[in-house]
């Protein structure tokens, strides 16, 4: 009996076949990340605290030529491996200079890591779901709020996501070939081990943990593990050792093993046993935040999860579940939780969403999954709109037109995604047009938030404003006229150290007065001003306030009022010999 064309499930437009063919799908996914993240990368000032600590440590490597030890001013920074610093150093050396302190150059490796994550997600999914399914997965991954935000922050997480996603995509292709009794492919094995090596050099054990738990889950579910022994363990581990080993040996020798004590005992272990650095949260946080962090693909989450259960016997779906569930449980059970911890697992969520999109007639597309997805999408869009309004109100951009732009775009993306997912036939023209609209508006909302509203939040950027004040008053020591370095009393955020330079002195009031007597400019936080003036009086010094900048330290939530002092006393005769005061960095 012939099929009734009126009842046939509509197919997506032919243009998707052209866009997803070959490497076009992965490249398009990477391009989406690039466009979404670029405004934040270029226009946002250095962020506190992790980004500026990473960037400052990289700057000191370039200044000293020591690419083994990781230091923040005079203190060792024994937390993460060296990979991200090497990538940042290469970027700055090629595209900028350490003297210019241009944060965008330090952020570029993160952008490339996020682009790799989206491209690898599309490439891996295409093996199971076809080129069109790979494109769906790559776009769902590449549009996500969390990935495109990490893409412009100069720290480890976007590179970790890219390396881990590459390793898992290659492993998935190996898994599929093994199930079909085909050769596993040398290139797939090489990419798998290379991804793991990069992930280890970037952030230690996270990448191997994700891959190891996935392998264990597949061996249990499939009741076969012989293919795992064919991954090339001998040469693969040698490759990892060749990438990671030289630096691991060098840092062990250089620090007499202190790096591992600090990294494992002082950073990793506390996160496993308690709420490290006030980030302790009960299980469920990552699940609760997933609808917001995957926006604008939020509407697909319910149908993706139901698809994962209903089609769990399919190789691609089963692999995605093995990638997602065990490691997600680990991250939920860890007492310390930060929102980016689960980012290396978002590729699996994108695969499940793509699997649902490639089967629009599947029962997973029920009235319930559509309705819940639409509701979550509207909530996520509304949350972003409200967040834009609150940020503007609190941080100095209450009347900015960017608040309205972000709000309209975010609400529009949430509404368009809800319309798309509520269509009874997922690929009728109205559905795919709404989906394309949601994707475009979601990317535009992120661009407006990070490239427009973010820089306009003047109260947030205390360090940037302080550096600008020094330059405006011709008191920046880098001008070659003013005695340096700058001394800072009562304010110690890493972004200021990065902007003003490694020699920036983080002093107490007495040392700040000594700095002023040497002709150095001094920034004093208002709460420390009485003690600073008392120290000046005790030393018989005169000083003048030549400028002031106020704002809010978003790391602590407290107001900041920095006053810029210069000496109003005659310059003392230089002593025969003097020892420099020790900088007192806040670690």
Protein backbone atom coordinates (compact mmCIF):
# COMPACT_ATOMS: atom_id res chain seq x y z
CA UNK A 1 0.00 0.00 0.00
CA UNK A 2 1.44 3.39 -0.94
CA UNK A 3 2.13 5.94 1.75
CA UNK A 4 -0.21 8.89 2.02
CA UNK A 5 1.88 11.98 1.27
CA UNK A 6 -0.35 14.07 3.51
CA UNK A 7 0.59 11.89 6.50
CA UNK A 8 4.31 11.57 5.68
CA UNK A 9 6.72 13.06 8.16
CA UNK A 10 8.23 16.19 6.61
CA UNK A 11 11.98 16.19 6.08
CA UNK A 12 14.33 19.09 6.81
CA UNK A 13 15.38 21.37 3.99
CA UNK A 14 18.00 20.16 1.57
CA UNK A 15 20.32 22.95 2.66
CA UNK A 16 21.08 20.96 5.83
CA UNK A 17 22.44 18.13 3.72
CA UNK A 18 24.83 20.56 2.04
CA UNK A 19 25.90 22.17 5.31
CA UNK A 20 26.50 18.87 7.09
CA UNK A 21 28.42 17.05 4.35
CA UNK A 22 32.01 16.04 5.09
CA UNK A 23 33.82 18.51 7.35
CA UNK A 24 31.23 21.23 6.83
CA UNK A 25 29.22 20.15 9.87
CA UNK A 26 32.16 20.28 12.32
CA UNK A 27 33.39 23.54 10.80
CA UNK A 28 29.95 25.14 11.06
CA UNK A 29 29.71 24.07 14.73
CA UNK A 30 33.14 25.57 15.42
CA UNK A 31 32.18 28.77 13.58
CA UNK A 32 29.11 29.15 15.80
CA UNK A 33 31.31 29.07 18.90
CA UNK A 34 33.71 31.58 17.34
CA UNK A 35 30.97 34.08 16.51
CA UNK A 36 29.21 33.71 19.86
CA UNK A 37 32.33 34.03 22.02
CA UNK A 38 34.36 36.61 20.09
CA UNK A 39 32.76 39.79 21.55
CA UNK A 40 33.40 38.65 25.12
CA UNK A 41 36.96 37.64 24.25
CA UNK A 42 37.72 41.07 22.81
CA UNK A 43 35.73 43.51 24.93
CA UNK A 44 35.53 42.15 28.49
CA UNK A 45 38.32 43.29 30.86
CA UNK A 46 40.37 40.70 32.77
CA UNK A 47 38.16 38.69 35.12
CA UNK A 48 38.75 37.82 38.76
CA UNK A 49 39.96 35.69 40.12
CA UNK A 50 41.01 32.56 38.26
CA UNK A 51 41.40 34.07 34.79
CA UNK A 52 43.73 36.82 35.97
CA UNK A 53 45.77 34.38 38.07
CA UNK A 54 46.28 32.11 35.06
CA UNK A 55 47.13 35.03 32.79
CA UNK A 56 49.52 36.59 35.29
CA UNK A 57 51.32 33.28 35.80
CA UNK A 58 51.71 32.98 32.03
CA UNK A 59 52.99 36.55 31.81
CA UNK A 60 55.65 35.74 34.40
CA UNK A 61 56.74 32.72 32.35
CA UNK A 62 57.27 35.01 29.37
CA UNK A 63 59.09 37.59 31.50
CA UNK A 64 61.45 35.12 33.16
CA UNK A 65 61.82 32.48 30.46
CA UNK A 66 60.99 29.81 33.06
CA UNK A 67 58.33 27.61 31.44
CA UNK A 68 58.44 24.90 34.11
CA UNK A 69 57.54 26.64 37.36
CA UNK A 70 54.11 28.27 37.71
CA UNK A 71 54.16 31.36 39.91
CA UNK A 72 51.85 34.19 40.84
CA UNK A 73 54.13 37.08 41.78
CA UNK A 74 56.52 35.59 44.35
CA UNK A 75 54.31 32.65 45.34
CA UNK A 76 54.27 29.21 43.68
CA UNK A 77 50.94 28.35 42.08
CA UNK A 78 50.89 24.59 42.64
CA UNK A 79 47.37 23.78 41.45
CA UNK A 80 47.00 22.81 37.77
CA UNK A 81 49.47 21.43 35.21
CA UNK A 82 51.29 23.66 32.80
CA UNK A 83 49.41 23.02 29.54
CA UNK A 84 47.18 26.08 29.50
CA UNK A 85 50.14 28.34 30.32
CA UNK A 86 52.16 27.01 27.39
CA UNK A 87 49.24 27.55 25.03
CA UNK A 88 48.68 31.09 26.34
CA UNK A 89 52.40 31.87 26.13
CA UNK A 90 52.47 30.75 22.50
CA UNK A 91 49.43 32.89 21.70
CA UNK A 92 50.85 35.99 23.37
CA UNK A 93 54.28 35.50 21.76
CA UNK A 94 52.79 35.27 18.27
CA UNK A 95 49.95 37.80 18.46
CA UNK A 96 50.83 40.28 21.21
CA UNK A 97 53.54 40.89 23.82
CA UNK A 98 53.79 40.43 27.55
CA UNK A 99 54.31 44.18 28.01
CA UNK A 100 50.97 45.05 26.42
CA UNK A 101 48.90 42.94 28.85
CA UNK A 102 46.19 42.32 26.26
CA UNK A 103 43.90 39.76 27.85
CA UNK A 104 42.38 38.67 24.53
CA UNK A 105 45.68 37.04 23.54
CA UNK A 106 45.61 34.94 26.72
CA UNK A 107 42.00 33.95 26.01
CA UNK A 108 42.58 32.70 22.48
CA UNK A 109 43.52 29.10 23.48
CA UNK A 110 40.21 28.84 25.35
CA UNK A 111 38.34 29.94 22.23
CA UNK A 112 40.17 27.34 20.15
CA UNK A 113 39.47 24.68 22.78
CA UNK A 114 35.75 25.43 22.72
CA UNK A 115 35.71 25.39 18.92
CA UNK A 116 37.46 22.01 19.01
CA UNK A 117 34.81 20.73 21.43
CA UNK A 118 31.94 21.67 19.11
CA UNK A 119 33.70 20.34 16.01
CA UNK A 120 34.67 17.05 17.69
CA UNK A 121 31.12 16.66 19.00
CA UNK A 122 29.77 16.94 15.44
CA UNK A 123 32.44 14.61 14.04
CA UNK A 124 31.81 11.90 16.61
CA UNK A 125 28.03 12.04 16.37
CA UNK A 126 28.14 11.80 12.57
CA UNK A 127 29.53 8.26 12.84
CA UNK A 128 26.29 7.09 14.47
CA UNK A 129 23.67 9.56 13.31
CA UNK A 130 24.92 10.52 9.86
CA UNK A 131 26.22 13.94 8.75
CA UNK A 132 22.94 15.68 9.49
CA UNK A 133 22.82 14.23 13.00
CA UNK A 134 26.43 15.29 13.51
CA UNK A 135 25.51 18.85 12.53
CA UNK A 136 22.61 18.86 14.99
CA UNK A 137 24.92 17.69 17.79
CA UNK A 138 27.62 20.21 16.95
CA UNK A 139 25.20 23.13 16.83
CA UNK A 140 23.52 22.09 20.10
CA UNK A 141 26.95 21.91 21.74
CA UNK A 142 28.33 25.03 20.11
CA UNK A 143 25.36 27.23 20.98
CA UNK A 144 25.36 26.34 24.68
CA UNK A 145 25.70 29.17 27.17
CA UNK A 146 28.32 27.38 29.28
CA UNK A 147 30.66 26.46 26.43
CA UNK A 148 30.49 29.86 24.74
CA UNK A 149 31.16 31.55 28.09
CA UNK A 150 34.18 29.39 28.93
CA UNK A 151 35.41 30.11 25.40
CA UNK A 152 36.42 33.66 26.35
CA UNK A 153 37.88 32.99 29.80
CA UNK A 154 41.64 32.42 29.98
CA UNK A 155 41.72 29.28 32.10
CA UNK A 156 41.74 25.51 31.72
CA UNK A 157 38.11 24.49 31.22
CA UNK A 158 37.43 25.17 27.54
CA UNK A 159 40.66 23.43 26.53
CA UNK A 160 39.79 20.51 28.82
CA UNK A 161 36.38 20.27 27.16
CA UNK A 162 37.92 20.32 23.69
CA UNK A 163 40.52 17.69 24.49
CA UNK A 164 38.07 15.40 26.30
CA UNK A 165 35.41 15.71 23.61
CA UNK A 166 37.97 14.88 20.94
CA UNK A 167 39.08 11.80 22.88
CA UNK A 168 35.49 10.65 23.42
CA UNK A 169 34.51 11.25 19.78
CA UNK A 170 37.47 9.14 18.62
CA UNK A 171 36.65 6.47 21.19
CA UNK A 172 33.05 6.40 19.97
CA UNK A 173 34.19 5.76 16.42
CA UNK A 174 36.43 2.95 17.69
CA UNK A 175 33.48 1.50 19.63
CA UNK A 176 31.27 1.57 16.53
CA UNK A 177 33.95 -0.07 14.36
CA UNK A 178 34.49 -2.80 16.96
CA UNK A 179 30.77 -3.52 17.08
CA UNK A 180 30.68 -3.88 13.31
CA UNK A 181 33.88 -5.99 13.18
CA UNK A 182 35.71 -3.33 11.18
CA UNK A 183 39.30 -2.11 11.69
CA UNK A 184 39.41 0.34 14.57
CA UNK A 185 41.45 2.86 12.62
CA UNK A 186 44.91 4.15 13.53
CA UNK A 187 43.79 7.78 13.23
CA UNK A 188 40.95 7.22 15.71
CA UNK A 189 43.37 5.66 18.20
CA UNK A 190 45.87 8.47 17.72
CA UNK A 191 43.22 11.13 18.32
CA UNK A 192 41.95 9.28 21.39
CA UNK A 193 45.35 9.14 23.06
CA UNK A 194 46.28 12.65 21.93
CA UNK A 195 43.07 14.04 23.42
CA UNK A 196 43.79 12.31 26.72
CA UNK A 197 47.37 13.56 26.76
CA UNK A 198 46.27 17.16 26.18
CA UNK A 199 43.57 16.88 28.83
CA UNK A 200 46.10 15.63 31.40
CA UNK A 201 48.60 18.39 30.62
CA UNK A 202 45.77 20.89 30.89
CA UNK A 203 43.90 19.76 34.01
CA UNK A 204 45.18 16.46 35.29
CA UNK A 205 42.95 13.41 35.76
CA UNK A 206 39.55 14.68 34.58
CA UNK A 207 39.83 13.54 30.95
CA UNK A 208 41.06 10.03 31.82
CA UNK A 209 38.34 9.75 34.47
CA UNK A 210 35.60 10.50 31.93
CA UNK A 211 37.04 8.03 29.40
CA UNK A 212 37.74 5.36 32.01
CA UNK A 213 34.24 5.45 33.48
CA UNK A 214 32.72 5.32 30.01
CA UNK A 215 34.83 2.28 29.10
CA UNK A 216 33.84 0.53 32.33
CA UNK A 217 30.15 1.26 31.76
CA UNK A 218 30.27 -0.03 28.17
CA UNK A 219 32.06 -3.20 29.24
CA UNK A 220 29.35 -3.86 31.83
CA UNK A 221 26.39 -3.02 29.60
CA UNK A 222 27.70 -4.86 26.54
CA UNK A 223 29.27 -7.75 28.46
CA UNK A 224 32.21 -7.62 26.11
CA UNK A 225 35.50 -5.84 26.54
CA UNK A 226 37.92 -7.42 24.08
CA UNK A 227 37.82 -4.34 21.86
CA UNK A 228 39.12 -2.23 24.77
CA UNK A 229 42.34 -4.22 24.69
CA UNK A 230 42.86 -3.17 21.07
CA UNK A 231 43.06 0.56 21.77
CA UNK A 232 46.85 0.56 21.40
CA UNK A 233 47.65 0.75 25.09
CA UNK A 234 51.40 0.24 24.73
CA UNK A 235 52.14 3.04 22.27
CA UNK A 236 49.20 5.14 23.52
CA UNK A 237 50.53 5.31 27.06
CA UNK A 238 53.99 6.05 25.67
CA UNK A 239 52.46 8.94 23.72
CA UNK A 240 50.82 10.29 26.87
CA UNK A 241 54.11 9.89 28.74
CA UNK A 242 56.00 11.69 25.98
CA UNK A 243 53.59 14.65 26.18
CA UNK A 244 53.23 14.89 29.95
CA UNK A 245 56.37 13.23 31.27
CA UNK A 246 59.08 15.82 30.52
CA UNK A 247 57.28 18.63 32.33
CA UNK A 248 56.20 16.30 35.18
CA UNK A 249 59.82 15.33 35.77
CA UNK A 250 61.05 18.92 35.44
CA UNK A 251 58.53 20.33 37.91
CA UNK A 252 59.26 17.53 40.36
CA UNK A 253 62.96 18.33 40.27
CA UNK A 254 62.47 22.11 40.29
CA UNK A 255 60.15 22.08 43.32
CA UNK A 256 61.54 19.01 45.07
CA UNK A 257 58.09 17.45 44.77
CA UNK A 258 56.29 20.41 46.35
CA UNK A 259 54.13 20.92 43.22
CA UNK A 260 52.46 17.53 43.70
CA UNK A 261 51.92 18.18 47.38
CA UNK A 262 50.16 21.43 46.57
CA UNK A 263 48.31 20.19 43.50
CA UNK A 264 47.03 16.90 44.90
CA UNK A 265 47.03 17.52 48.64
CA UNK A 266 46.17 21.23 48.58
CA UNK A 267 43.85 21.51 45.57
CA UNK A 268 42.39 18.19 44.37
CA UNK A 269 41.95 16.27 47.65
CA UNK A 270 40.04 19.05 49.49
CA UNK A 271 37.55 19.19 46.60
CA UNK A 272 36.88 15.47 46.99
CA UNK A 273 36.31 15.53 50.75
CA UNK A 274 34.70 18.92 51.43
CA UNK A 275 33.41 22.21 50.06
CA UNK A 276 36.75 23.66 48.95
CA UNK A 277 37.02 27.48 48.85
CA UNK A 278 33.36 27.89 49.93
CA UNK A 279 32.03 25.97 46.91
CA UNK A 280 30.36 23.14 48.83
CA UNK A 281 26.84 22.32 47.55
CA UNK A 282 24.53 19.35 47.96
CA UNK A 283 24.06 16.90 45.02
CA UNK A 284 21.73 18.09 42.28
CA UNK A 285 23.25 21.48 41.46
CA UNK A 286 24.54 20.44 38.03
CA UNK A 287 21.19 18.93 37.08
CA UNK A 288 19.36 22.03 38.29
CA UNK A 289 21.55 24.37 36.25
CA UNK A 290 21.66 22.28 33.05
CA UNK A 291 18.55 23.92 31.49
CA UNK A 292 20.18 27.34 31.78
CA UNK A 293 23.71 26.30 30.80
CA UNK A 294 22.56 24.48 27.63
CA UNK A 295 20.42 27.42 26.44
CA UNK A 296 19.17 27.84 23.70
CA UNK A 297 19.10 24.04 23.27
CA UNK A 298 17.23 23.75 26.59
CA UNK A 299 13.97 22.72 24.91
CA UNK A 300 15.58 19.48 23.71
CA UNK A 301 16.67 18.22 27.15
CA UNK A 302 13.50 16.25 28.06
CA UNK A 303 13.21 14.51 24.69
CA UNK A 304 16.96 13.87 24.70
CA UNK A 305 16.80 12.09 28.06
CA UNK A 306 13.75 10.05 27.08
CA UNK A 307 15.46 9.15 23.81
CA UNK A 308 18.45 7.97 25.80
CA UNK A 309 16.26 5.56 27.77
CA UNK A 310 14.11 4.33 24.90
CA UNK A 311 16.95 3.82 22.44
CA UNK A 312 19.64 2.73 24.90
CA UNK A 313 20.38 -0.41 22.89
CA UNK A 314 21.54 1.60 19.88
CA UNK A 315 25.35 1.89 19.84
CA UNK A 316 25.50 5.69 19.54
CA UNK A 317 22.91 6.28 22.24
CA UNK A 318 24.48 3.72 24.54
CA UNK A 319 27.90 5.33 24.13
CA UNK A 320 26.45 8.76 24.93
CA UNK A 321 24.86 7.39 28.10
CA UNK A 322 28.13 5.74 29.15
CA UNK A 323 29.90 9.05 28.56
CA UNK A 324 27.29 11.06 30.45
CA UNK A 325 25.90 9.17 33.43
CA UNK A 326 28.88 7.78 35.42
CA UNK A 327 30.92 10.99 35.37
CA UNK A 328 27.85 13.15 36.02
CA UNK A 329 27.16 11.11 39.16
CA UNK A 330 30.75 11.63 40.28
CA UNK A 331 30.49 15.39 39.83
CA UNK A 332 27.16 15.50 41.68
CA UNK A 333 28.59 13.50 44.59
CA UNK A 334 31.70 15.66 44.92
CA UNK A 335 31.19 18.12 47.81
CA UNK A 336 32.86 20.93 45.84
CA UNK A 337 30.82 22.07 42.85
CA UNK A 338 31.47 24.69 40.22
CA UNK A 339 29.16 25.06 37.25
CA UNK A 340 31.84 24.25 34.67
CA UNK A 341 32.77 20.86 36.15
CA UNK A 342 30.29 18.96 33.95
CA UNK A 343 31.23 20.80 30.73
CA UNK A 344 33.24 17.81 29.33
CA UNK A 345 29.99 15.82 29.45
CA UNK A 346 27.85 18.25 27.46
CA UNK A 347 28.85 16.59 24.20
CA UNK A 348 26.94 13.48 25.33
CA UNK A 349 23.82 15.57 25.97
CA UNK A 350 24.19 17.07 22.49
CA UNK A 351 24.40 13.57 20.99
CA UNK A 352 21.19 12.51 22.70
CA UNK A 353 19.44 15.67 21.49
CA UNK A 354 20.67 15.00 17.96
CA UNK A 355 19.47 11.40 18.15
CA UNK A 356 16.01 12.70 19.00
CA UNK A 357 16.07 15.20 16.13
CA UNK A 358 16.98 12.52 13.61
CA UNK A 359 13.89 10.53 14.58
CA UNK A 360 11.03 13.06 14.68
CA UNK A 361 8.42 10.30 14.65
CA UNK A 362 9.84 8.52 17.70
CA UNK A 363 7.48 8.14 20.70
CA UNK A 364 10.05 10.09 22.75
CA UNK A 365 8.45 13.16 21.16
CA UNK A 366 5.46 12.99 23.44
CA UNK A 367 3.19 15.80 24.55
CA UNK A 368 4.94 15.72 27.92
CA UNK A 369 8.50 16.00 26.64
CA UNK A 370 7.48 18.77 24.26
CA UNK A 371 5.61 20.69 26.93
CA UNK A 372 8.32 20.37 29.58
CA UNK A 373 10.97 21.33 27.04
CA UNK A 374 9.02 24.39 25.97
CA UNK A 375 8.50 25.44 29.58
CA UNK A 376 12.17 25.02 30.44
CA UNK A 377 13.15 27.04 27.38
CA UNK A 378 10.87 29.92 28.34
CA UNK A 379 12.18 29.83 31.92
CA UNK A 380 15.81 29.87 30.79
CA UNK A 381 15.19 32.76 28.40
CA UNK A 382 13.34 34.66 31.11
CA UNK A 383 16.12 33.99 33.62
CA UNK A 384 18.70 35.49 31.27
CA UNK A 385 16.50 38.55 30.68
CA UNK A 386 16.05 39.06 34.44
CA UNK A 387 19.78 38.53 35.03
CA UNK A 388 20.58 41.25 32.47
CA UNK A 389 18.26 43.69 34.25
CA UNK A 390 19.68 42.88 37.68
CA UNK A 391 23.28 43.15 36.50
CA UNK A 392 22.60 46.53 34.93
CA UNK A 393 20.82 47.82 38.03
CA UNK A 394 23.52 46.71 40.47
CA UNK A 395 26.68 47.38 38.50
CA UNK A 396 26.22 50.78 36.92
CA UNK A 397 24.33 50.26 33.66
CA UNK A 398 20.72 50.71 34.79
CA UNK A 399 19.78 52.85 31.79
CA UNK A 400 21.77 50.96 29.19
CA UNK A 401 20.00 49.97 25.99
CA UNK A 402 22.00 46.73 26.13
CA UNK A 403 19.72 45.47 28.92
CA UNK A 404 16.75 45.63 26.57
CA UNK A 405 18.69 44.13 23.69
CA UNK A 406 19.83 41.16 25.77
CA UNK A 407 16.38 40.68 27.29
CA UNK A 408 14.56 40.78 23.95
CA UNK A 409 17.03 38.41 22.29
CA UNK A 410 17.02 35.93 25.19
CA UNK A 411 13.23 35.92 25.48
CA UNK A 412 12.95 35.60 21.70
CA UNK A 413 15.35 32.64 21.65
CA UNK A 414 13.46 30.90 24.44
CA UNK A 415 10.11 31.50 22.73
CA UNK A 416 11.37 30.39 19.31
CA UNK A 417 12.78 27.17 20.76
CA UNK A 418 9.50 26.53 22.56
CA UNK A 419 7.56 27.02 19.32
CA UNK A 420 9.92 24.65 17.50
CA UNK A 421 9.67 21.85 20.04
CA UNK A 422 5.88 22.12 20.31
CA UNK A 423 5.29 21.44 16.62
CA UNK A 424 3.60 18.04 16.17
CA UNK A 425 5.99 17.21 13.34
CA UNK A 426 9.52 18.15 14.18
CA UNK A 427 10.67 18.95 10.66
CA UNK A 428 7.75 20.74 9.12
CA UNK A 429 8.84 24.15 7.84
CA UNK A 430 7.51 26.08 10.82
CA UNK A 431 9.51 23.90 13.21
CA UNK A 432 12.91 24.15 11.56
CA UNK A 433 12.49 27.87 10.93
CA UNK A 434 11.70 28.40 14.61
CA UNK A 435 14.71 26.24 15.54
CA UNK A 436 17.01 28.27 13.29
CA UNK A 437 15.60 31.47 14.80
CA UNK A 438 16.24 30.19 18.32
CA UNK A 439 19.82 29.34 17.42
CA UNK A 440 20.48 32.75 15.89
CA UNK A 441 18.79 34.72 18.67
CA UNK A 442 20.55 32.68 21.34
CA UNK A 443 23.95 33.41 19.82
CA UNK A 444 23.03 37.09 19.43
CA UNK A 445 21.89 37.28 23.07
CA UNK A 446 25.24 35.90 24.23
CA UNK A 447 27.12 38.34 22.01
CA UNK A 448 25.10 41.28 23.32
CA UNK A 449 25.55 40.17 26.92
CA UNK A 450 29.31 39.73 26.77
CA UNK A 451 30.23 42.32 24.15
CA UNK A 452 27.69 45.04 24.97
CA UNK A 453 26.19 44.88 28.44
CA UNK A 454 29.21 43.30 30.14
CA UNK A 455 31.72 46.06 29.32
CA UNK A 456 29.08 48.68 30.25
CA UNK A 457 28.90 47.38 33.85
CA UNK A 458 31.35 50.05 35.01
CA UNK A 459 31.15 49.22 38.72
CA UNK A 460 32.41 45.70 38.05
CA UNK A 461 35.69 46.73 36.50
CA UNK A 462 37.50 48.27 39.47
CA UNK A 463 40.95 47.12 38.34
CA UNK A 464 40.48 48.37 34.79
CA UNK A 465 39.27 51.74 36.11
CA UNK A 466 42.20 51.96 38.54
CA UNK A 467 44.70 51.27 35.77
CA UNK A 468 43.00 53.89 33.59
CA UNK A 469 43.16 56.41 36.46
CA UNK A 470 46.92 55.88 36.83
CA UNK A 471 47.40 56.42 33.10
CA UNK A 472 45.18 59.51 33.06
CA UNK A 473 47.17 61.09 35.91
CA UNK A 474 50.46 60.16 34.21
CA UNK A 475 51.38 57.98 37.21
CA UNK A 476 51.69 54.62 35.51
CA UNK A 477 55.36 53.63 36.03
CA UNK A 478 55.42 52.05 32.58
CA UNK A 479 55.40 55.55 31.10
CA UNK A 480 59.10 55.79 31.96
CA UNK A 481 58.61 58.94 34.03
CA UNK A 482 57.01 57.84 37.30
CA UNK A 483 58.92 55.86 39.88
CA UNK A 484 57.57 52.33 40.20
CA UNK A 485 56.10 49.94 40.88
CA UNK A 486 52.58 50.84 41.97
CA UNK A 487 51.80 50.02 45.60
CA UNK A 488 48.27 48.96 46.54
CA UNK A 489 46.87 48.98 50.06
CA UNK A 490 43.67 47.12 50.96
CA UNK A 491 42.83 45.76 47.49
CA UNK A 492 44.52 42.68 46.06
CA UNK A 493 42.49 41.30 43.15
CA UNK A 494 44.64 39.48 40.56
CA UNK A 495 43.20 41.52 37.69
CA UNK A 496 44.97 44.63 39.01
CA UNK A 497 48.28 42.77 39.28
CA UNK A 498 47.87 41.54 35.71
CA UNK A 499 47.06 45.01 34.37
CA UNK A 500 49.79 46.86 36.28
CA UNK A 501 52.54 44.25 36.11
CA UNK A 502 54.27 41.58 38.13
CA UNK A 503 56.15 44.02 40.39
CA UNK A 504 52.91 45.54 41.72
CA UNK A 505 53.22 45.70 45.51
CA UNK A 506 50.29 44.52 47.63
CA UNK A 507 51.16 46.35 50.83
CA UNK A 508 49.90 47.11 54.31
CA UNK A 509 49.46 50.79 55.29
CA UNK A 510 52.99 51.15 56.71
CA UNK A 511 54.66 49.66 53.63
CA UNK A 512 52.39 51.79 51.47
CA UNK A 513 53.71 54.89 53.20
CA UNK A 514 57.28 53.68 52.61
CA UNK A 515 56.43 53.23 48.91
CA UNK A 516 55.12 56.78 48.75
CA UNK A 517 58.32 58.07 50.35
CA UNK A 518 60.21 56.41 47.48
CA UNK A 519 58.14 58.35 44.97
CA UNK A 520 55.85 55.50 43.99
CA UNK A 521 52.13 56.06 43.33
CA UNK A 522 49.92 54.34 45.89
CA UNK A 523 46.33 53.11 45.56
CA UNK A 524 44.58 52.93 48.93
CA UNK A 525 41.22 51.34 49.61
CA UNK A 526 39.13 53.71 51.71
CA UNK A 527 38.80 51.33 54.66
CA UNK A 528 42.59 51.40 54.98
CA UNK A 529 42.87 55.14 54.48
CA UNK A 530 42.91 56.16 58.19
CA UNK A 531 45.74 53.71 58.92
CA UNK A 532 47.60 54.85 55.82
CA UNK A 533 47.33 58.52 56.79
CA UNK A 534 48.51 57.65 60.29
CA UNK A 535 51.57 55.93 58.80
CA UNK A 536 52.26 58.98 56.64
CA UNK A 537 52.07 61.25 59.69
CA UNK A 538 54.38 58.99 61.68
CA UNK A 539 57.00 59.25 58.93
CA UNK A 540 56.48 62.97 58.41
CA UNK A 541 55.32 62.54 54.84
CA UNK A 542 52.95 64.66 52.81
CA UNK A 543 50.71 63.16 50.16
CA UNK A 544 48.00 64.30 47.80
CA UNK A 545 44.93 62.44 46.58
CA UNK A 546 44.91 62.98 42.83
CA UNK A 547 42.05 60.68 41.85
CA UNK A 548 39.49 58.19 43.03
CA UNK A 549 37.55 55.28 41.55
CA UNK A 550 34.71 53.31 43.07
CA UNK A 551 32.98 50.06 42.27
CA UNK A 552 32.09 46.63 43.59
CA UNK A 553 34.47 43.73 44.06
CA UNK A 554 32.31 40.95 42.60
CA UNK A 555 34.59 38.28 44.08
CA UNK A 556 33.48 39.35 47.56
CA UNK A 557 30.33 41.38 46.81
CA UNK A 558 31.74 44.33 48.78
CA UNK A 559 32.02 47.95 47.65
CA UNK A 560 35.47 49.26 46.77
CA UNK A 561 36.71 52.85 46.90
CA UNK A 562 40.29 53.30 45.68
CA UNK A 563 42.11 56.61 46.20
CA UNK A 564 45.22 57.40 44.21
CA UNK A 565 47.99 59.12 46.17
CA UNK A 566 51.18 60.74 45.01
CA UNK A 567 53.89 62.19 47.17
CA UNK A 568 53.77 65.88 48.04
CA UNK A 569 57.07 65.72 49.92
CA UNK A 570 60.56 66.56 48.61
CA UNK A 571 62.25 63.51 47.11
CA UNK A 572 64.72 61.98 49.61
CA UNK A 573 68.36 61.48 48.73
CA UNK A 574 68.90 57.94 47.50
CA UNK A 575 70.53 55.67 50.13
CA UNK A 576 73.84 54.00 49.45
CA UNK A 577 72.15 50.61 49.29
CA UNK A 578 68.61 49.57 49.91
CA UNK A 579 66.80 46.28 49.82
CA UNK A 580 63.53 46.20 47.90
CA UNK A 581 60.41 45.68 49.93
CA UNK A 582 58.88 42.26 49.49
CA UNK A 583 55.62 42.14 47.58
CA UNK A 584 52.87 40.61 49.62
CA UNK A 585 50.59 38.87 47.16
CA UNK A 586 47.24 37.51 48.16
CA UNK A 587 47.14 33.87 47.15
